[in-house]
Amino acid sequence: MFAIVNYTTVHKTLDTIEPDFYALCFKKMCLGSVETWLASMRSKYENVSTPFGALNLNWQQLQQSGQQHLEEANQFLASIPPDRLLEVF
């Protein structure tokens, strides 16, 4: 007989997240989410006219940076072993 049980934990507060995960993964995931959200908001306007001239918002670079941060966080999460692993032989 062979069985593997894997479960995930929902964290209701940041106190239950291990400090390593907070520094290495959670911050990058939050930064990536905010950057992609800002890029989607900025993509509505290519440039903004001001009395001093036009400002180019360059939302493509912000979108790319956000996607890169999210991919790095997901790769880190995929590389760590599960918290609890139960094997029955």
PDB file of N, CA and C in Angstrom:
ATOM      1  N   MET A   1       0.845  -1.173   0.000  1.00  0.00           N
ATOM      2  CA  MET A   1       0.000   0.000   0.000  1.00  0.00           C
ATOM      3  C   MET A   1       0.891   1.238   0.000  1.00  0.00           C
ATOM      4  N   PHE A   2       0.538   2.209  -0.800  1.00  0.00           N
ATOM      5  CA  PHE A   2       1.327   3.422  -0.927  1.00  0.00           C
ATOM      6  C   PHE A   2       0.384   4.615  -0.961  1.00  0.00           C
ATOM      7  N   ALA A   3       0.636   5.596  -0.109  1.00  0.00           N
ATOM      8  CA  ALA A   3      -0.230   6.785  -0.080  1.00  0.00           C
ATOM      9  C   ALA A   3       0.602   8.012   0.242  1.00  0.00           C
ATOM     10  N   ILE A   4       0.307   9.090  -0.428  1.00  0.00           N
ATOM     11  CA  ILE A   4       0.931  10.380  -0.142  1.00  0.00           C
ATOM     12  C   ILE A   4      -0.189  11.374   0.100  1.00  0.00           C
ATOM     13  N   VAL A   5      -0.130  12.067   1.214  1.00  0.00           N
ATOM     14  CA  VAL A   5      -1.119  13.083   1.555  1.00  0.00           C
ATOM     15  C   VAL A   5      -0.414  14.429   1.569  1.00  0.00           C
ATOM     16  N   ASN A   6      -0.928  15.361   0.823  1.00  0.00           N
ATOM     17  CA  ASN A   6      -0.361  16.707   0.758  1.00  0.00           C
ATOM     18  C   ASN A   6      -1.493  17.691   0.986  1.00  0.00           C
ATOM     19  N   TYR A   7      -1.321  18.628   1.891  1.00  0.00           N
ATOM     20  CA  TYR A   7      -2.356  19.624   2.115  1.00  0.00           C
ATOM     21  C   TYR A   7      -1.729  21.013   2.150  1.00  0.00           C
ATOM     22  N   THR A   8      -2.556  21.995   1.833  1.00  0.00           N
ATOM     23  CA  THR A   8      -2.098  23.378   1.857  1.00  0.00           C
ATOM     24  C   THR A   8      -2.756  24.102   3.024  1.00  0.00           C
ATOM     25  N   THR A   9      -2.105  25.148   3.476  1.00  0.00           N
ATOM     26  CA  THR A   9      -2.584  25.903   4.619  1.00  0.00           C
ATOM     27  C   THR A   9      -2.969  27.307   4.182  1.00  0.00           C
ATOM     28  N   VAL A  10      -4.106  27.773   4.624  1.00  0.00           N
ATOM     29  CA  VAL A  10      -4.529  29.144   4.375  1.00  0.00           C
ATOM     30  C   VAL A  10      -4.078  29.989   5.566  1.00  0.00           C
ATOM     31  N   HIS A  11      -3.302  31.031   5.277  1.00  0.00           N
ATOM     32  CA  HIS A  11      -2.798  31.901   6.339  1.00  0.00           C
ATOM     33  C   HIS A  11      -3.733  33.097   6.482  1.00  0.00           C
ATOM     34  N   LYS A  12      -4.337  33.235   7.655  1.00  0.00           N
ATOM     35  CA  LYS A  12      -5.249  34.353   7.901  1.00  0.00           C
ATOM     36  C   LYS A  12      -4.500  35.599   8.351  1.00  0.00           C
ATOM     37  N   THR A  13      -3.331  35.418   8.955  1.00  0.00           N
ATOM     38  CA  THR A  13      -2.484  36.544   9.354  1.00  0.00           C
ATOM     39  C   THR A  13      -1.065  36.272   8.876  1.00  0.00           C
ATOM     40  N   LEU A  14      -0.263  37.317   8.791  1.00  0.00           N
ATOM     41  CA  LEU A  14       1.117  37.162   8.337  1.00  0.00           C
ATOM     42  C   LEU A  14       2.004  36.513   9.391  1.00  0.00           C
ATOM     43  N   ASP A  15       1.524  36.413  10.632  1.00  0.00           N
ATOM     44  CA  ASP A  15       2.332  35.812  11.700  1.00  0.00           C
ATOM     45  C   ASP A  15       2.580  34.330  11.475  1.00  0.00           C
ATOM     46  N   THR A  16       1.703  33.652  10.754  1.00  0.00           N
ATOM     47  CA  THR A  16       1.841  32.215  10.556  1.00  0.00           C
ATOM     48  C   THR A  16       2.739  31.866   9.372  1.00  0.00           C
ATOM     49  N   ILE A  17       3.147  32.855   8.576  1.00  0.00           N
ATOM     50  CA  ILE A  17       4.037  32.610   7.445  1.00  0.00           C
ATOM     51  C   ILE A  17       5.478  32.624   7.954  1.00  0.00           C
ATOM     52  N   GLU A  18       6.259  31.622   7.562  1.00  0.00           N
ATOM     53  CA  GLU A  18       7.652  31.581   7.975  1.00  0.00           C
ATOM     54  C   GLU A  18       8.389  32.790   7.425  1.00  0.00           C
ATOM     55  N   PRO A  19       9.337  33.358   8.190  1.00  0.00           N
ATOM     56  CA  PRO A  19      10.048  34.563   7.738  1.00  0.00           C
ATOM     57  C   PRO A  19      10.773  34.371   6.410  1.00  0.00           C
ATOM     58  N   ASP A  20      11.292  33.174   6.154  1.00  0.00           N
ATOM     59  CA  ASP A  20      11.974  32.941   4.883  1.00  0.00           C
ATOM     60  C   ASP A  20      11.022  33.108   3.709  1.00  0.00           C
ATOM     61  N   PHE A  21       9.821  32.609   3.842  1.00  0.00           N
ATOM     62  CA  PHE A  21       8.848  32.729   2.760  1.00  0.00           C
ATOM     63  C   PHE A  21       8.394  34.167   2.576  1.00  0.00           C
ATOM     64  N   TYR A  22       8.294  34.897   3.674  1.00  0.00           N
ATOM     65  CA  TYR A  22       7.872  36.297   3.580  1.00  0.00           C
ATOM     66  C   TYR A  22       8.895  37.108   2.799  1.00  0.00           C
ATOM     67  N   ALA A  23      10.168  36.939   3.146  1.00  0.00           N
ATOM     68  CA  ALA A  23      11.218  37.740   2.504  1.00  0.00           C
ATOM     69  C   ALA A  23      11.498  37.285   1.080  1.00  0.00           C
ATOM     70  N   LEU A  24      11.494  35.983   0.844  1.00  0.00           N
ATOM     71  CA  LEU A  24      11.897  35.467  -0.460  1.00  0.00           C
ATOM     72  C   LEU A  24      10.760  35.345  -1.464  1.00  0.00           C
ATOM     73  N   CYS A  25       9.542  35.195  -0.994  1.00  0.00           N
ATOM     74  CA  CYS A  25       8.445  34.914  -1.911  1.00  0.00           C
ATOM     75  C   CYS A  25       7.301  35.919  -1.813  1.00  0.00           C
ATOM     76  N   PHE A  26       6.809  36.161  -0.605  1.00  0.00           N
ATOM     77  CA  PHE A  26       5.614  36.974  -0.439  1.00  0.00           C
ATOM     78  C   PHE A  26       5.827  38.410  -0.926  1.00  0.00           C
ATOM     79  N   LYS A  27       6.975  38.997  -0.616  1.00  0.00           N
ATOM     80  CA  LYS A  27       7.237  40.371  -1.052  1.00  0.00           C
ATOM     81  C   LYS A  27       7.305  40.474  -2.573  1.00  0.00           C
ATOM     82  N   LYS A  28       7.955  39.479  -3.224  1.00  0.00           N
ATOM     83  CA  LYS A  28       8.029  39.490  -4.685  1.00  0.00           C
ATOM     84  C   LYS A  28       6.652  39.301  -5.311  1.00  0.00           C
ATOM     85  N   MET A  29       5.848  38.445  -4.699  1.00  0.00           N
ATOM     86  CA  MET A  29       4.513  38.202  -5.228  1.00  0.00           C
ATOM     87  C   MET A  29       3.650  39.464  -5.117  1.00  0.00           C
ATOM     88  N   CYS A  30       3.751  40.153  -3.991  1.00  0.00           N
ATOM     89  CA  CYS A  30       2.993  41.398  -3.814  1.00  0.00           C
ATOM     90  C   CYS A  30       3.469  42.466  -4.783  1.00  0.00           C
ATOM     91  N   LEU A  31       4.784  42.602  -4.928  1.00  0.00           N
ATOM     92  CA  LEU A  31       5.338  43.600  -5.849  1.00  0.00           C
ATOM     93  C   LEU A  31       4.902  43.308  -7.281  1.00  0.00           C
ATOM     94  N   GLY A  32       4.959  42.049  -7.681  1.00  0.00           N
ATOM     95  CA  GLY A  32       4.537  41.675  -9.030  1.00  0.00           C
ATOM     96  C   GLY A  32       3.066  41.950  -9.266  1.00  0.00           C
ATOM     97  N   SER A  33       2.237  41.672  -8.273  1.00  0.00           N
ATOM     98  CA  SER A  33       0.798  41.936  -8.413  1.00  0.00           C
ATOM     99  C   SER A  33       0.511  43.427  -8.539  1.00  0.00           C
ATOM    100  N   VAL A  34       1.191  44.233  -7.743  1.00  0.00           N
ATOM    101  CA  VAL A  34       0.981  45.685  -7.797  1.00  0.00           C
ATOM    102  C   VAL A  34       1.489  46.240  -9.123  1.00  0.00           C
ATOM    103  N   GLU A  35       2.645  45.758  -9.587  1.00  0.00           N
ATOM    104  CA  GLU A  35       3.182  46.256 -10.862  1.00  0.00           C
ATOM    105  C   GLU A  35       2.279  45.905 -12.035  1.00  0.00           C
ATOM    106  N   THR A  36       1.751  44.695 -12.073  1.00  0.00           N
ATOM    107  CA  THR A  36       0.850  44.341 -13.178  1.00  0.00           C
ATOM    108  C   THR A  36      -0.459  45.113 -13.088  1.00  0.00           C
ATOM    109  N   TRP A  37      -0.932  45.360 -11.876  1.00  0.00           N
ATOM    110  CA  TRP A  37      -2.154  46.163 -11.719  1.00  0.00           C
ATOM    111  C   TRP A  37      -1.917  47.595 -12.194  1.00  0.00           C
ATOM    112  N   LEU A  38      -0.784  48.199 -11.803  1.00  0.00           N
ATOM    113  CA  LEU A  38      -0.471  49.557 -12.255  1.00  0.00           C
ATOM    114  C   LEU A  38      -0.284  49.613 -13.767  1.00  0.00           C
ATOM    115  N   ALA A  39       0.349  48.586 -14.321  1.00  0.00           N
ATOM    116  CA  ALA A  39       0.540  48.551 -15.770  1.00  0.00           C
ATOM    117  C   ALA A  39      -0.796  48.488 -16.494  1.00  0.00           C
ATOM    118  N   SER A  40      -1.735  47.733 -15.966  1.00  0.00           N
ATOM    119  CA  SER A  40      -3.052  47.669 -16.615  1.00  0.00           C
ATOM    120  C   SER A  40      -3.779  49.009 -16.520  1.00  0.00           C
ATOM    121  N   MET A  41      -3.585  49.727 -15.425  1.00  0.00           N
ATOM    122  CA  MET A  41      -4.200  51.053 -15.291  1.00  0.00           C
ATOM    123  C   MET A  41      -3.522  52.067 -16.224  1.00  0.00           C
ATOM    124  N   ARG A  42      -2.200  51.985 -16.329  1.00  0.00           N
ATOM    125  CA  ARG A  42      -1.457  52.924 -17.175  1.00  0.00           C
ATOM    126  C   ARG A  42      -1.615  52.622 -18.659  1.00  0.00           C
ATOM    127  N   SER A  43      -1.972  51.402 -19.006  1.00  0.00           N
ATOM    128  CA  SER A  43      -2.073  51.044 -20.420  1.00  0.00           C
ATOM    129  C   SER A  43      -3.217  51.784 -21.113  1.00  0.00           C
ATOM    130  N   LYS A  44      -4.109  52.355 -20.352  1.00  0.00           N
ATOM    131  CA  LYS A  44      -5.206  53.132 -20.942  1.00  0.00           C
ATOM    132  C   LYS A  44      -4.702  54.423 -21.574  1.00  0.00           C
ATOM    133  N   TYR A  45      -3.570  54.903 -21.075  1.00  0.00           N
ATOM    134  CA  TYR A  45      -3.018  56.162 -21.559  1.00  0.00           C
ATOM    135  C   TYR A  45      -1.560  55.939 -21.950  1.00  0.00           C
ATOM    136  N   GLU A  46      -1.246  56.127 -23.205  1.00  0.00           N
ATOM    137  CA  GLU A  46       0.139  55.974 -23.656  1.00  0.00           C
ATOM    138  C   GLU A  46       1.009  57.107 -23.127  1.00  0.00           C
ATOM    139  N   ASN A  47       0.474  58.310 -23.145  1.00  0.00           N
ATOM    140  CA  ASN A  47       1.213  59.451 -22.598  1.00  0.00           C
ATOM    141  C   ASN A  47       0.218  60.471 -22.048  1.00  0.00           C
ATOM    142  N   VAL A  48       0.716  61.325 -21.189  1.00  0.00           N
ATOM    143  CA  VAL A  48      -0.113  62.333 -20.539  1.00  0.00           C
ATOM    144  C   VAL A  48       0.432  63.709 -20.905  1.00  0.00           C
ATOM    145  N   SER A  49      -0.448  64.600 -21.322  1.00  0.00           N
ATOM    146  CA  SER A  49      -0.029  65.959 -21.671  1.00  0.00           C
ATOM    147  C   SER A  49       0.022  66.825 -20.426  1.00  0.00           C
ATOM    148  N   THR A  50       1.105  67.556 -20.272  1.00  0.00           N
ATOM    149  CA  THR A  50       1.272  68.499 -19.169  1.00  0.00           C
ATOM    150  C   THR A  50       1.696  69.832 -19.744  1.00  0.00           C
ATOM    151  N   PRO A  51       1.641  70.901 -18.966  1.00  0.00           N
ATOM    152  CA  PRO A  51       2.117  72.193 -19.461  1.00  0.00           C
ATOM    153  C   PRO A  51       3.607  72.179 -19.817  1.00  0.00           C
ATOM    154  N   PHE A  52       4.340  71.227 -19.279  1.00  0.00           N
ATOM    155  CA  PHE A  52       5.779  71.150 -19.554  1.00  0.00           C
ATOM    156  C   PHE A  52       6.109  70.196 -20.692  1.00  0.00           C
ATOM    157  N   GLY A  53       5.109  69.539 -21.256  1.00  0.00           N
ATOM    158  CA  GLY A  53       5.311  68.595 -22.352  1.00  0.00           C
ATOM    159  C   GLY A  53       4.618  67.277 -22.057  1.00  0.00           C
ATOM    160  N   ALA A  54       4.749  66.375 -22.986  1.00  0.00           N
ATOM    161  CA  ALA A  54       4.097  65.071 -22.829  1.00  0.00           C
ATOM    162  C   ALA A  54       4.972  64.129 -22.000  1.00  0.00           C
ATOM    163  N   LEU A  55       4.325  63.332 -21.153  1.00  0.00           N
ATOM    164  CA  LEU A  55       5.013  62.325 -20.350  1.00  0.00           C
ATOM    165  C   LEU A  55       4.675  60.940 -20.890  1.00  0.00           C
ATOM    166  N   ASN A  56       5.707  60.171 -21.207  1.00  0.00           N
ATOM    167  CA  ASN A  56       5.507  58.798 -21.660  1.00  0.00           C
ATOM    168  C   ASN A  56       5.429  57.906 -20.435  1.00  0.00           C
ATOM    169  N   LEU A  57       4.352  57.121 -20.304  1.00  0.00           N
ATOM    170  CA  LEU A  57       4.145  56.317 -19.105  1.00  0.00           C
ATOM    171  C   LEU A  57       4.860  54.965 -19.127  1.00  0.00           C
ATOM    172  N   ASN A  58       5.275  54.467 -20.275  1.00  0.00           N
ATOM    173  CA  ASN A  58       6.067  53.244 -20.405  1.00  0.00           C
ATOM    174  C   ASN A  58       5.507  52.096 -19.569  1.00  0.00           C
ATOM    175  N   TRP A  59       4.265  51.755 -19.786  1.00  0.00           N
ATOM    176  CA  TRP A  59       3.612  50.709 -19.010  1.00  0.00           C
ATOM    177  C   TRP A  59       4.090  49.314 -19.400  1.00  0.00           C
ATOM    178  N   GLN A  60       4.657  49.146 -20.589  1.00  0.00           N
ATOM    179  CA  GLN A  60       5.115  47.827 -21.020  1.00  0.00           C
ATOM    180  C   GLN A  60       6.254  47.319 -20.128  1.00  0.00           C
ATOM    181  N   GLN A  61       7.171  48.199 -19.770  1.00  0.00           N
ATOM    182  CA  GLN A  61       8.279  47.796 -18.915  1.00  0.00           C
ATOM    183  C   GLN A  61       7.775  47.416 -17.524  1.00  0.00           C
ATOM    184  N   LEU A  62       6.809  48.142 -17.024  1.00  0.00           N
ATOM    185  CA  LEU A  62       6.222  47.838 -15.718  1.00  0.00           C
ATOM    186  C   LEU A  62       5.492  46.491 -15.748  1.00  0.00           C
ATOM    187  N   GLN A  63       4.792  46.216 -16.831  1.00  0.00           N
ATOM    188  CA  GLN A  63       4.094  44.933 -16.998  1.00  0.00           C
ATOM    189  C   GLN A  63       5.100  43.793 -17.028  1.00  0.00           C
ATOM    190  N   GLN A  64       6.187  43.975 -17.773  1.00  0.00           N
ATOM    191  CA  GLN A  64       7.203  42.935 -17.886  1.00  0.00           C
ATOM    192  C   GLN A  64       7.881  42.675 -16.538  1.00  0.00           C
ATOM    193  N   SER A  65       8.169  43.721 -15.803  1.00  0.00           N
ATOM    194  CA  SER A  65       8.790  43.575 -14.493  1.00  0.00           C
ATOM    195  C   SER A  65       7.860  42.846 -13.519  1.00  0.00           C
ATOM    196  N   GLY A  66       6.584  43.181 -13.548  1.00  0.00           N
ATOM    197  CA  GLY A  66       5.610  42.506 -12.690  1.00  0.00           C
ATOM    198  C   GLY A  66       5.488  41.029 -13.008  1.00  0.00           C
ATOM    199  N   GLN A  67       5.451  40.692 -14.289  1.00  0.00           N
ATOM    200  CA  GLN A  67       5.372  39.284 -14.687  1.00  0.00           C
ATOM    201  C   GLN A  67       6.624  38.523 -14.257  1.00  0.00           C
ATOM    202  N   GLN A  68       7.786  39.178 -14.341  1.00  0.00           N
ATOM    203  CA  GLN A  68       9.033  38.537 -13.928  1.00  0.00           C
ATOM    204  C   GLN A  68       9.032  38.254 -12.423  1.00  0.00           C
ATOM    205  N   HIS A  69       8.561  39.218 -11.624  1.00  0.00           N
ATOM    206  CA  HIS A  69       8.499  39.008 -10.179  1.00  0.00           C
ATOM    207  C   HIS A  69       7.526  37.876  -9.821  1.00  0.00           C
ATOM    208  N   LEU A  70       6.396  37.818 -10.498  1.00  0.00           N
ATOM    209  CA  LEU A  70       5.429  36.748 -10.235  1.00  0.00           C
ATOM    210  C   LEU A  70       5.985  35.374 -10.633  1.00  0.00           C
ATOM    211  N   GLU A  71       6.704  35.307 -11.749  1.00  0.00           N
ATOM    212  CA  GLU A  71       7.297  34.042 -12.171  1.00  0.00           C
ATOM    213  C   GLU A  71       8.365  33.573 -11.188  1.00  0.00           C
ATOM    214  N   GLU A  72       9.188  34.516 -10.683  1.00  0.00           N
ATOM    215  CA  GLU A  72      10.209  34.154  -9.701  1.00  0.00           C
ATOM    216  C   GLU A  72       9.567  33.620  -8.421  1.00  0.00           C
ATOM    217  N   ALA A  73       8.500  34.252  -7.975  1.00  0.00           N
ATOM    218  CA  ALA A  73       7.812  33.787  -6.768  1.00  0.00           C
ATOM    219  C   ALA A  73       7.197  32.413  -6.980  1.00  0.00           C
ATOM    220  N   ASN A  74       6.597  32.181  -8.141  1.00  0.00           N
ATOM    221  CA  ASN A  74       5.999  30.877  -8.427  1.00  0.00           C
ATOM    222  C   ASN A  74       7.058  29.789  -8.551  1.00  0.00           C
ATOM    223  N   GLN A  75       8.218  30.119  -9.127  1.00  0.00           N
ATOM    224  CA  GLN A  75       9.307  29.149  -9.216  1.00  0.00           C
ATOM    225  C   GLN A  75       9.824  28.794  -7.827  1.00  0.00           C
ATOM    226  N   PHE A  76       9.915  29.783  -6.948  1.00  0.00           N
ATOM    227  CA  PHE A  76      10.353  29.516  -5.581  1.00  0.00           C
ATOM    228  C   PHE A  76       9.355  28.611  -4.870  1.00  0.00           C
ATOM    229  N   LEU A  77       8.064  28.891  -5.020  1.00  0.00           N
ATOM    230  CA  LEU A  77       7.041  28.066  -4.383  1.00  0.00           C
ATOM    231  C   LEU A  77       7.049  26.635  -4.925  1.00  0.00           C
ATOM    232  N   ALA A  78       7.323  26.489  -6.208  1.00  0.00           N
ATOM    233  CA  ALA A  78       7.349  25.150  -6.803  1.00  0.00           C
ATOM    234  C   ALA A  78       8.582  24.352  -6.366  1.00  0.00           C
ATOM    235  N   SER A  79       9.643  25.041  -5.967  1.00  0.00           N
ATOM    236  CA  SER A  79      10.880  24.354  -5.627  1.00  0.00           C
ATOM    237  C   SER A  79      10.945  23.878  -4.176  1.00  0.00           C
ATOM    238  N   ILE A  80      10.071  24.389  -3.314  1.00  0.00           N
ATOM    239  CA  ILE A  80      10.131  23.993  -1.909  1.00  0.00           C
ATOM    240  C   ILE A  80       9.308  22.723  -1.681  1.00  0.00           C
ATOM    241  N   PRO A  81       9.746  21.886  -0.764  1.00  0.00           N
ATOM    242  CA  PRO A  81       8.962  20.683  -0.470  1.00  0.00           C
ATOM    243  C   PRO A  81       7.702  21.050   0.303  1.00  0.00           C
ATOM    244  N   PRO A  82       6.702  20.178   0.317  1.00  0.00           N
ATOM    245  CA  PRO A  82       5.477  20.482   1.065  1.00  0.00           C
ATOM    246  C   PRO A  82       5.749  20.544   2.568  1.00  0.00           C
ATOM    247  N   ASP A  83       4.894  21.263   3.293  1.00  0.00           N
ATOM    248  CA  ASP A  83       5.048  21.382   4.745  1.00  0.00           C
ATOM    249  C   ASP A  83       4.926  20.030   5.429  1.00  0.00           C
ATOM    250  N   ARG A  84       3.907  19.290   5.106  1.00  0.00           N
ATOM    251  CA  ARG A  84       3.648  17.995   5.725  1.00  0.00           C
ATOM    252  C   ARG A  84       3.590  16.941   4.626  1.00  0.00           C
ATOM    253  N   LEU A  85       4.295  15.897   4.832  1.00  0.00           N
ATOM    254  CA  LEU A  85       4.293  14.802   3.858  1.00  0.00           C
ATOM    255  C   LEU A  85       4.113  13.506   4.626  1.00  0.00           C
ATOM    256  N   LEU A  86       3.076  12.779   4.317  1.00  0.00           N
ATOM    257  CA  LEU A  86       2.773  11.528   4.998  1.00  0.00           C
ATOM    258  C   LEU A  86       2.879  10.404   3.971  1.00  0.00           C
ATOM    259  N   GLU A  87       3.779   9.475   4.236  1.00  0.00           N
ATOM    260  CA  GLU A  87       3.938   8.346   3.348  1.00  0.00           C
ATOM    261  C   GLU A  87       3.626   7.074   4.106  1.00  0.00           C
ATOM    262  N   VAL A  88       2.780   6.246   3.547  1.00  0.00           N
ATOM    263  CA  VAL A  88       2.418   4.978   4.149  1.00  0.00           C
ATOM    264  C   VAL A  88       2.799   3.882   3.157  1.00  0.00           C
ATOM    265  N   PHE A  89       3.597   2.942   3.599  1.00  0.00           N
ATOM    266  CA  PHE A  89       4.009   1.836   2.725  1.00  0.00           C
ATOM    267  C   PHE A  89       3.426   0.541   3.228  1.00  0.00           C
TER     268      PHE A  89
END
